[in-house]
């Protein structure tokens, strides 16, 4: 039985053109996640599922295997789960790899420390889980939303705020690491099954890239936390 990493990376991004291969801290964005997965002792092989040749070329250049995603699984409304289910069928058929665990990583969330993937896998196994999500602690975030034209507090009562320390601890699903057994995806059509583990990461690892506005922030942390492989950051950081 094998453990592989699967990274969905379709073309045609709306918010930031060619987002998955946009240059970030000296590398295409996708490259960071490929290299992090390749460095994990828990991952045997890294796959990128994509419909885009330029993305496929970057994936090959950084050592990943490429699975060509059908166009019907690459549209704006296509789910990551559908792309992963297709990838699993290709891996089992063409690579003869019966799979025990899937490490699903999003290229848009590259702020992973070197041991994050392995520690998440260890927790997953230790707790006997069938799925895992990575999260960050939402300390002192007071959320509001408009309901029928009226603003209402969501995760606290504005009428009785109380002490921050007395509020229930809440977490943000940060989209960085997902683990699950293949049969969970087949049974539920979802990356989350019945026995969920939660791997907590630091708050600065909350951020991901959806638009060009997040590039500077992600680069700042890649350099600040020495994830970019430099002892010192460029002067502008």
C-alpha atoms as a PDB file:
ATOM      1  CA  UNK A   1       0.000   0.000   0.000  1.00  0.00           C
ATOM      2  CA  UNK A   2       1.275   3.446  -0.929  1.00  0.00           C
ATOM      3  CA  UNK A   3       0.963   7.089   0.093  1.00  0.00           C
ATOM      4  CA  UNK A   4       1.054   9.752  -2.614  1.00  0.00           C
ATOM      5  CA  UNK A   5       0.576  13.492  -2.794  1.00  0.00           C
ATOM      6  CA  UNK A   6      -1.919  14.919  -5.266  1.00  0.00           C
ATOM      7  CA  UNK A   7      -1.861  18.618  -6.170  1.00  0.00           C
ATOM      8  CA  UNK A   8      -4.771  19.931  -8.271  1.00  0.00           C
ATOM      9  CA  UNK A   9      -3.679  22.845 -10.463  1.00  0.00           C
ATOM     10  CA  UNK A  10      -5.997  23.777 -13.288  1.00  0.00           C
ATOM     11  CA  UNK A  11      -5.458  26.546 -15.798  1.00  0.00           C
ATOM     12  CA  UNK A  12      -7.786  29.450 -16.457  1.00  0.00           C
ATOM     13  CA  UNK A  13      -7.690  31.162 -13.073  1.00  0.00           C
ATOM     14  CA  UNK A  14     -10.039  34.143 -12.930  1.00  0.00           C
ATOM     15  CA  UNK A  15      -8.667  36.125  -9.971  1.00  0.00           C
ATOM     16  CA  UNK A  16      -4.992  35.973 -10.965  1.00  0.00           C
ATOM     17  CA  UNK A  17      -4.049  34.904 -14.483  1.00  0.00           C
ATOM     18  CA  UNK A  18      -1.908  31.751 -14.531  1.00  0.00           C
ATOM     19  CA  UNK A  19      -2.013  31.782 -10.735  1.00  0.00           C
ATOM     20  CA  UNK A  20      -0.566  28.301 -10.244  1.00  0.00           C
ATOM     21  CA  UNK A  21       2.652  29.166 -12.060  1.00  0.00           C
ATOM     22  CA  UNK A  22       2.837  32.845 -11.122  1.00  0.00           C
ATOM     23  CA  UNK A  23       6.355  33.708  -9.854  1.00  0.00           C
ATOM     24  CA  UNK A  24       6.497  33.798  -6.059  1.00  0.00           C
ATOM     25  CA  UNK A  25       9.813  34.305  -4.244  1.00  0.00           C
ATOM     26  CA  UNK A  26      11.786  33.207  -7.266  1.00  0.00           C
ATOM     27  CA  UNK A  27       9.781  30.090  -8.186  1.00  0.00           C
ATOM     28  CA  UNK A  28       6.474  29.307  -9.858  1.00  0.00           C
ATOM     29  CA  UNK A  29       3.828  29.082  -7.132  1.00  0.00           C
ATOM     30  CA  UNK A  30       3.176  25.405  -7.861  1.00  0.00           C
ATOM     31  CA  UNK A  31       6.864  24.581  -7.371  1.00  0.00           C
ATOM     32  CA  UNK A  32       6.755  25.345  -3.647  1.00  0.00           C
ATOM     33  CA  UNK A  33       4.142  22.681  -2.962  1.00  0.00           C
ATOM     34  CA  UNK A  34       5.814  20.109  -5.209  1.00  0.00           C
ATOM     35  CA  UNK A  35       9.144  20.588  -3.410  1.00  0.00           C
ATOM     36  CA  UNK A  36       7.511  20.432   0.029  1.00  0.00           C
ATOM     37  CA  UNK A  37       5.718  17.194  -0.854  1.00  0.00           C
ATOM     38  CA  UNK A  38       8.863  15.704  -2.384  1.00  0.00           C
ATOM     39  CA  UNK A  39      10.819  16.461   0.799  1.00  0.00           C
ATOM     40  CA  UNK A  40       8.290  14.620   2.976  1.00  0.00           C
ATOM     41  CA  UNK A  41       9.426  11.184   4.140  1.00  0.00           C
ATOM     42  CA  UNK A  42       5.784  10.079   4.178  1.00  0.00           C
ATOM     43  CA  UNK A  43       5.142  10.730   0.479  1.00  0.00           C
ATOM     44  CA  UNK A  44       6.359   8.242  -2.099  1.00  0.00           C
ATOM     45  CA  UNK A  45       5.369  10.079  -5.271  1.00  0.00           C
ATOM     46  CA  UNK A  46       3.976  13.501  -6.139  1.00  0.00           C
ATOM     47  CA  UNK A  47       1.272  13.948  -8.775  1.00  0.00           C
ATOM     48  CA  UNK A  48      -0.087  17.136 -10.302  1.00  0.00           C
ATOM     49  CA  UNK A  49      -3.479  16.911 -11.982  1.00  0.00           C
ATOM     50  CA  UNK A  50      -3.954  19.641 -14.561  1.00  0.00           C
ATOM     51  CA  UNK A  51      -5.561  20.533 -17.868  1.00  0.00           C
ATOM     52  CA  UNK A  52      -2.873  23.100 -18.723  1.00  0.00           C
ATOM     53  CA  UNK A  53       0.350  22.421 -20.646  1.00  0.00           C
ATOM     54  CA  UNK A  54       2.309  25.268 -19.039  1.00  0.00           C
ATOM     55  CA  UNK A  55       1.410  23.953 -15.593  1.00  0.00           C
ATOM     56  CA  UNK A  56       2.334  20.430 -16.681  1.00  0.00           C
ATOM     57  CA  UNK A  57       5.739  21.671 -17.865  1.00  0.00           C
ATOM     58  CA  UNK A  58       6.423  23.311 -14.496  1.00  0.00           C
ATOM     59  CA  UNK A  59       5.296  20.164 -12.675  1.00  0.00           C
ATOM     60  CA  UNK A  60       7.678  18.014 -14.727  1.00  0.00           C
ATOM     61  CA  UNK A  61      10.527  20.485 -14.231  1.00  0.00           C
ATOM     62  CA  UNK A  62      10.200  20.217 -10.439  1.00  0.00           C
ATOM     63  CA  UNK A  63       9.957  16.432 -10.372  1.00  0.00           C
ATOM     64  CA  UNK A  64       6.230  15.688 -10.212  1.00  0.00           C
ATOM     65  CA  UNK A  65       4.274  13.203 -12.279  1.00  0.00           C
ATOM     66  CA  UNK A  66       1.514  14.765 -14.376  1.00  0.00           C
ATOM     67  CA  UNK A  67      -2.026  13.492 -14.770  1.00  0.00           C
ATOM     68  CA  UNK A  68      -3.895  15.102 -17.649  1.00  0.00           C
ATOM     69  CA  UNK A  69      -7.253  16.249 -16.340  1.00  0.00           C
ATOM     70  CA  UNK A  70     -10.253  16.053 -18.686  1.00  0.00           C
ATOM     71  CA  UNK A  71     -11.704  19.434 -19.601  1.00  0.00           C
ATOM     72  CA  UNK A  72     -15.049  18.584 -17.997  1.00  0.00           C
ATOM     73  CA  UNK A  73     -13.238  18.308 -14.643  1.00  0.00           C
ATOM     74  CA  UNK A  74     -11.391  21.600 -15.043  1.00  0.00           C
ATOM     75  CA  UNK A  75     -14.151  24.185 -15.217  1.00  0.00           C
ATOM     76  CA  UNK A  76     -14.966  26.842 -12.628  1.00  0.00           C
ATOM     77  CA  UNK A  77     -17.622  24.648 -11.045  1.00  0.00           C
ATOM     78  CA  UNK A  78     -15.647  21.390 -11.041  1.00  0.00           C
ATOM     79  CA  UNK A  79     -14.765  20.247  -7.529  1.00  0.00           C
ATOM     80  CA  UNK A  80     -11.311  19.263  -6.330  1.00  0.00           C
ATOM     81  CA  UNK A  81     -12.840  15.940  -5.291  1.00  0.00           C
ATOM     82  CA  UNK A  82     -13.805  15.132  -8.886  1.00  0.00           C
ATOM     83  CA  UNK A  83     -10.264  15.858 -10.076  1.00  0.00           C
ATOM     84  CA  UNK A  84      -8.780  13.701  -7.321  1.00  0.00           C
ATOM     85  CA  UNK A  85     -11.141  10.807  -8.052  1.00  0.00           C
ATOM     86  CA  UNK A  86      -9.999  10.914 -11.663  1.00  0.00           C
ATOM     87  CA  UNK A  87      -6.362  11.074 -10.554  1.00  0.00           C
ATOM     88  CA  UNK A  88      -6.812   8.064  -8.273  1.00  0.00           C
ATOM     89  CA  UNK A  89      -8.189   5.967 -11.113  1.00  0.00           C
ATOM     90  CA  UNK A  90      -5.187   6.896 -13.288  1.00  0.00           C
ATOM     91  CA  UNK A  91      -2.659   6.185 -10.520  1.00  0.00           C
ATOM     92  CA  UNK A  92      -4.094   2.774  -9.737  1.00  0.00           C
ATOM     93  CA  UNK A  93      -4.432   1.842 -13.398  1.00  0.00           C
ATOM     94  CA  UNK A  94      -1.252   3.243 -14.937  1.00  0.00           C
ATOM     95  CA  UNK A  95       1.153   3.214 -11.985  1.00  0.00           C
ATOM     96  CA  UNK A  96      -0.046  -0.019 -10.359  1.00  0.00           C
ATOM     97  CA  UNK A  97      -0.059   1.652  -6.947  1.00  0.00           C
ATOM     98  CA  UNK A  98      -2.747   0.468  -4.508  1.00  0.00           C
ATOM     99  CA  UNK A  99      -3.185   3.509  -2.287  1.00  0.00           C
ATOM    100  CA  UNK A 100      -3.468   3.623   1.493  1.00  0.00           C
ATOM    101  CA  UNK A 101      -3.454   7.374   2.049  1.00  0.00           C
ATOM    102  CA  UNK A 102      -3.823  10.518  -0.046  1.00  0.00           C
ATOM    103  CA  UNK A 103      -1.965  13.707   0.828  1.00  0.00           C
ATOM    104  CA  UNK A 104      -3.999  16.405  -0.911  1.00  0.00           C
ATOM    105  CA  UNK A 105      -2.155  19.735  -1.097  1.00  0.00           C
ATOM    106  CA  UNK A 106      -3.294  23.051  -2.554  1.00  0.00           C
ATOM    107  CA  UNK A 107      -0.675  24.970  -4.516  1.00  0.00           C
ATOM    108  CA  UNK A 108      -2.217  28.255  -3.403  1.00  0.00           C
ATOM    109  CA  UNK A 109      -1.245  27.557   0.244  1.00  0.00           C
ATOM    110  CA  UNK A 110       2.565  27.291   0.152  1.00  0.00           C
ATOM    111  CA  UNK A 111       3.300  28.403   3.739  1.00  0.00           C
ATOM    112  CA  UNK A 112       4.259  24.967   5.079  1.00  0.00           C
ATOM    113  CA  UNK A 113       7.137  24.325   7.438  1.00  0.00           C
ATOM    114  CA  UNK A 114       9.495  21.481   6.439  1.00  0.00           C
ATOM    115  CA  UNK A 115       7.969  19.010   8.898  1.00  0.00           C
ATOM    116  CA  UNK A 116       4.288  19.947   8.571  1.00  0.00           C
ATOM    117  CA  UNK A 117       3.318  17.193   6.143  1.00  0.00           C
ATOM    118  CA  UNK A 118       5.110  14.447   8.082  1.00  0.00           C
ATOM    119  CA  UNK A 119       3.692  15.641  11.406  1.00  0.00           C
ATOM    120  CA  UNK A 120       0.185  15.708   9.939  1.00  0.00           C
ATOM    121  CA  UNK A 121       0.614  12.150   8.646  1.00  0.00           C
ATOM    122  CA  UNK A 122       1.918  11.006  12.052  1.00  0.00           C
ATOM    123  CA  UNK A 123      -1.122  12.536  13.785  1.00  0.00           C
ATOM    124  CA  UNK A 124      -3.460  10.964  11.240  1.00  0.00           C
ATOM    125  CA  UNK A 125      -2.001   7.510  11.921  1.00  0.00           C
ATOM    126  CA  UNK A 126      -1.776   8.000  15.688  1.00  0.00           C
ATOM    127  CA  UNK A 127      -5.446   8.926  15.987  1.00  0.00           C
ATOM    128  CA  UNK A 128      -6.648   6.224  13.595  1.00  0.00           C
ATOM    129  CA  UNK A 129      -8.429   8.845  11.511  1.00  0.00           C
ATOM    130  CA  UNK A 130      -9.930   8.440   8.061  1.00  0.00           C
ATOM    131  CA  UNK A 131      -9.438  12.124   7.184  1.00  0.00           C
ATOM    132  CA  UNK A 132      -7.522  15.183   8.382  1.00  0.00           C
ATOM    133  CA  UNK A 133      -7.619  18.919   7.770  1.00  0.00           C
ATOM    134  CA  UNK A 134      -5.053  21.562   8.656  1.00  0.00           C
ATOM    135  CA  UNK A 135      -6.284  24.548  10.638  1.00  0.00           C
ATOM    136  CA  UNK A 136      -5.137  27.712  12.356  1.00  0.00           C
ATOM    137  CA  UNK A 137      -6.480  29.130  15.575  1.00  0.00           C
ATOM    138  CA  UNK A 138      -8.885  32.040  15.098  1.00  0.00           C
ATOM    139  CA  UNK A 139      -7.878  34.035  18.153  1.00  0.00           C
ATOM    140  CA  UNK A 140     -10.065  37.080  18.796  1.00  0.00           C
ATOM    141  CA  UNK A 141     -11.690  37.160  15.367  1.00  0.00           C
ATOM    142  CA  UNK A 142     -15.124  38.722  15.722  1.00  0.00           C
ATOM    143  CA  UNK A 143     -17.161  38.013  12.613  1.00  0.00           C
ATOM    144  CA  UNK A 144     -20.219  39.830  11.288  1.00  0.00           C
ATOM    145  CA  UNK A 145     -22.574  39.171   8.381  1.00  0.00           C
ATOM    146  CA  UNK A 146     -25.529  40.944   6.817  1.00  0.00           C
ATOM    147  CA  UNK A 147     -28.779  39.035   7.242  1.00  0.00           C
ATOM    148  CA  UNK A 148     -31.802  40.450   5.422  1.00  0.00           C
ATOM    149  CA  UNK A 149     -30.203  43.894   5.424  1.00  0.00           C
ATOM    150  CA  UNK A 150     -29.337  43.809   9.120  1.00  0.00           C
ATOM    151  CA  UNK A 151     -25.842  43.314  10.509  1.00  0.00           C
ATOM    152  CA  UNK A 152     -25.517  40.475  13.024  1.00  0.00           C
ATOM    153  CA  UNK A 153     -22.549  39.119  14.948  1.00  0.00           C
ATOM    154  CA  UNK A 154     -21.734  35.536  13.935  1.00  0.00           C
ATOM    155  CA  UNK A 155     -19.280  33.954  16.365  1.00  0.00           C
ATOM    156  CA  UNK A 156     -19.926  36.117  19.408  1.00  0.00           C
ATOM    157  CA  UNK A 157     -22.784  38.045  21.023  1.00  0.00           C
ATOM    158  CA  UNK A 158     -22.184  41.775  20.642  1.00  0.00           C
ATOM    159  CA  UNK A 159     -24.704  42.401  23.430  1.00  0.00           C
ATOM    160  CA  UNK A 160     -22.572  40.431  25.854  1.00  0.00           C
ATOM    161  CA  UNK A 161     -19.005  40.348  24.562  1.00  0.00           C
ATOM    162  CA  UNK A 162     -17.458  39.073  27.780  1.00  0.00           C
ATOM    163  CA  UNK A 163     -13.751  38.306  27.999  1.00  0.00           C
ATOM    164  CA  UNK A 164     -11.944  37.084  24.898  1.00  0.00           C
ATOM    165  CA  UNK A 165     -10.427  34.250  26.926  1.00  0.00           C
ATOM    166  CA  UNK A 166     -13.898  32.976  27.843  1.00  0.00           C
ATOM    167  CA  UNK A 167     -15.109  32.565  24.268  1.00  0.00           C
ATOM    168  CA  UNK A 168     -15.024  29.105  22.656  1.00  0.00           C
ATOM    169  CA  UNK A 169     -11.844  28.421  20.703  1.00  0.00           C
ATOM    170  CA  UNK A 170     -12.531  28.362  16.965  1.00  0.00           C
ATOM    171  CA  UNK A 171     -10.342  27.324  14.070  1.00  0.00           C
ATOM    172  CA  UNK A 172      -9.910  28.288  10.420  1.00  0.00           C
ATOM    173  CA  UNK A 173      -9.590  25.553   7.794  1.00  0.00           C
ATOM    174  CA  UNK A 174      -6.508  26.959   6.086  1.00  0.00           C
ATOM    175  CA  UNK A 175      -6.500  24.729   2.985  1.00  0.00           C
ATOM    176  CA  UNK A 176      -2.855  23.721   3.310  1.00  0.00           C
ATOM    177  CA  UNK A 177      -2.983  19.988   4.084  1.00  0.00           C
ATOM    178  CA  UNK A 178      -5.706  17.385   3.674  1.00  0.00           C
ATOM    179  CA  UNK A 179      -5.265  13.675   4.325  1.00  0.00           C
ATOM    180  CA  UNK A 180      -7.771  10.944   3.668  1.00  0.00           C
ATOM    181  CA  UNK A 181      -8.109   7.296   2.806  1.00  0.00           C
ATOM    182  CA  UNK A 182      -9.164   6.583  -0.797  1.00  0.00           C
ATOM    183  CA  UNK A 183     -12.280   4.734   0.300  1.00  0.00           C
ATOM    184  CA  UNK A 184     -13.541   7.885   2.032  1.00  0.00           C
ATOM    185  CA  UNK A 185     -13.629   9.741  -1.251  1.00  0.00           C
ATOM    186  CA  UNK A 186     -15.429   6.837  -2.904  1.00  0.00           C
ATOM    187  CA  UNK A 187     -17.975   6.511  -0.108  1.00  0.00           C
ATOM    188  CA  UNK A 188     -18.774  10.169   0.562  1.00  0.00           C
ATOM    189  CA  UNK A 189     -17.615  12.034  -2.548  1.00  0.00           C
ATOM    190  CA  UNK A 190     -15.807  14.271  -0.080  1.00  0.00           C
ATOM    191  CA  UNK A 191     -12.328  14.678   1.377  1.00  0.00           C
ATOM    192  CA  UNK A 192     -13.754  14.466   4.915  1.00  0.00           C
ATOM    193  CA  UNK A 193     -15.025  11.194   6.330  1.00  0.00           C
ATOM    194  CA  UNK A 194     -16.429  10.101   9.684  1.00  0.00           C
ATOM    195  CA  UNK A 195     -13.332  10.252  11.916  1.00  0.00           C
ATOM    196  CA  UNK A 196     -11.620  13.582  11.430  1.00  0.00           C
ATOM    197  CA  UNK A 197      -8.256  14.663  12.802  1.00  0.00           C
ATOM    198  CA  UNK A 198      -7.217  18.301  12.972  1.00  0.00           C
ATOM    199  CA  UNK A 199      -3.610  19.401  12.491  1.00  0.00           C
ATOM    200  CA  UNK A 200      -2.999  22.847  13.918  1.00  0.00           C
ATOM    201  CA  UNK A 201      -0.586  25.224  12.184  1.00  0.00           C
ATOM    202  CA  UNK A 202       0.593  28.696  13.155  1.00  0.00           C
ATOM    203  CA  UNK A 203      -1.614  31.693  12.407  1.00  0.00           C
ATOM    204  CA  UNK A 204       0.749  33.122   9.769  1.00  0.00           C
ATOM    205  CA  UNK A 205       0.139  29.895   7.831  1.00  0.00           C
ATOM    206  CA  UNK A 206      -3.487  30.907   7.344  1.00  0.00           C
ATOM    207  CA  UNK A 207      -2.743  32.969   4.258  1.00  0.00           C
ATOM    208  CA  UNK A 208      -3.147  31.713   0.709  1.00  0.00           C
ATOM    209  CA  UNK A 209      -2.967  33.223  -2.762  1.00  0.00           C
ATOM    210  CA  UNK A 210      -6.210  33.973  -4.573  1.00  0.00           C
ATOM    211  CA  UNK A 211      -5.375  37.352  -6.097  1.00  0.00           C
ATOM    212  CA  UNK A 212      -2.221  39.351  -6.785  1.00  0.00           C
ATOM    213  CA  UNK A 213      -2.783  41.228  -3.526  1.00  0.00           C
ATOM    214  CA  UNK A 214      -1.619  38.218  -1.483  1.00  0.00           C
ATOM    215  CA  UNK A 215       1.691  37.741  -3.338  1.00  0.00           C
ATOM    216  CA  UNK A 216       3.652  40.225  -1.213  1.00  0.00           C
ATOM    217  CA  UNK A 217       2.292  38.733   2.001  1.00  0.00           C
ATOM    218  CA  UNK A 218       3.166  35.160   1.011  1.00  0.00           C
ATOM    219  CA  UNK A 219       6.639  36.206  -0.123  1.00  0.00           C
ATOM    220  CA  UNK A 220       7.180  38.055   3.137  1.00  0.00           C
ATOM    221  CA  UNK A 221       6.541  34.903   5.182  1.00  0.00           C
ATOM    222  CA  UNK A 222       8.496  32.634   2.822  1.00  0.00           C
ATOM    223  CA  UNK A 223      11.526  34.838   3.464  1.00  0.00           C
ATOM    224  CA  UNK A 224      10.770  35.775   7.082  1.00  0.00           C
ATOM    225  CA  UNK A 225      10.413  32.131   8.136  1.00  0.00           C
ATOM    226  CA  UNK A 226      13.350  31.059   5.953  1.00  0.00           C
ATOM    227  CA  UNK A 227      11.110  28.746   3.910  1.00  0.00           C
ATOM    228  CA  UNK A 228      12.647  30.095   0.720  1.00  0.00           C
ATOM    229  CA  UNK A 229      16.008  28.551   1.560  1.00  0.00           C
ATOM    230  CA  UNK A 230      17.848  31.796   2.234  1.00  0.00           C
ATOM    231  CA  UNK A 231      19.565  32.820   5.447  1.00  0.00           C
ATOM    232  CA  UNK A 232      18.472  36.407   4.928  1.00  0.00           C
ATOM    233  CA  UNK A 233      15.660  37.897   2.927  1.00  0.00           C
ATOM    234  CA  UNK A 234      16.164  40.500   0.207  1.00  0.00           C
ATOM    235  CA  UNK A 235      16.418  44.054   1.501  1.00  0.00           C
ATOM    236  CA  UNK A 236      12.822  44.913   0.685  1.00  0.00           C
ATOM    237  CA  UNK A 237      11.716  42.213   3.139  1.00  0.00           C
END
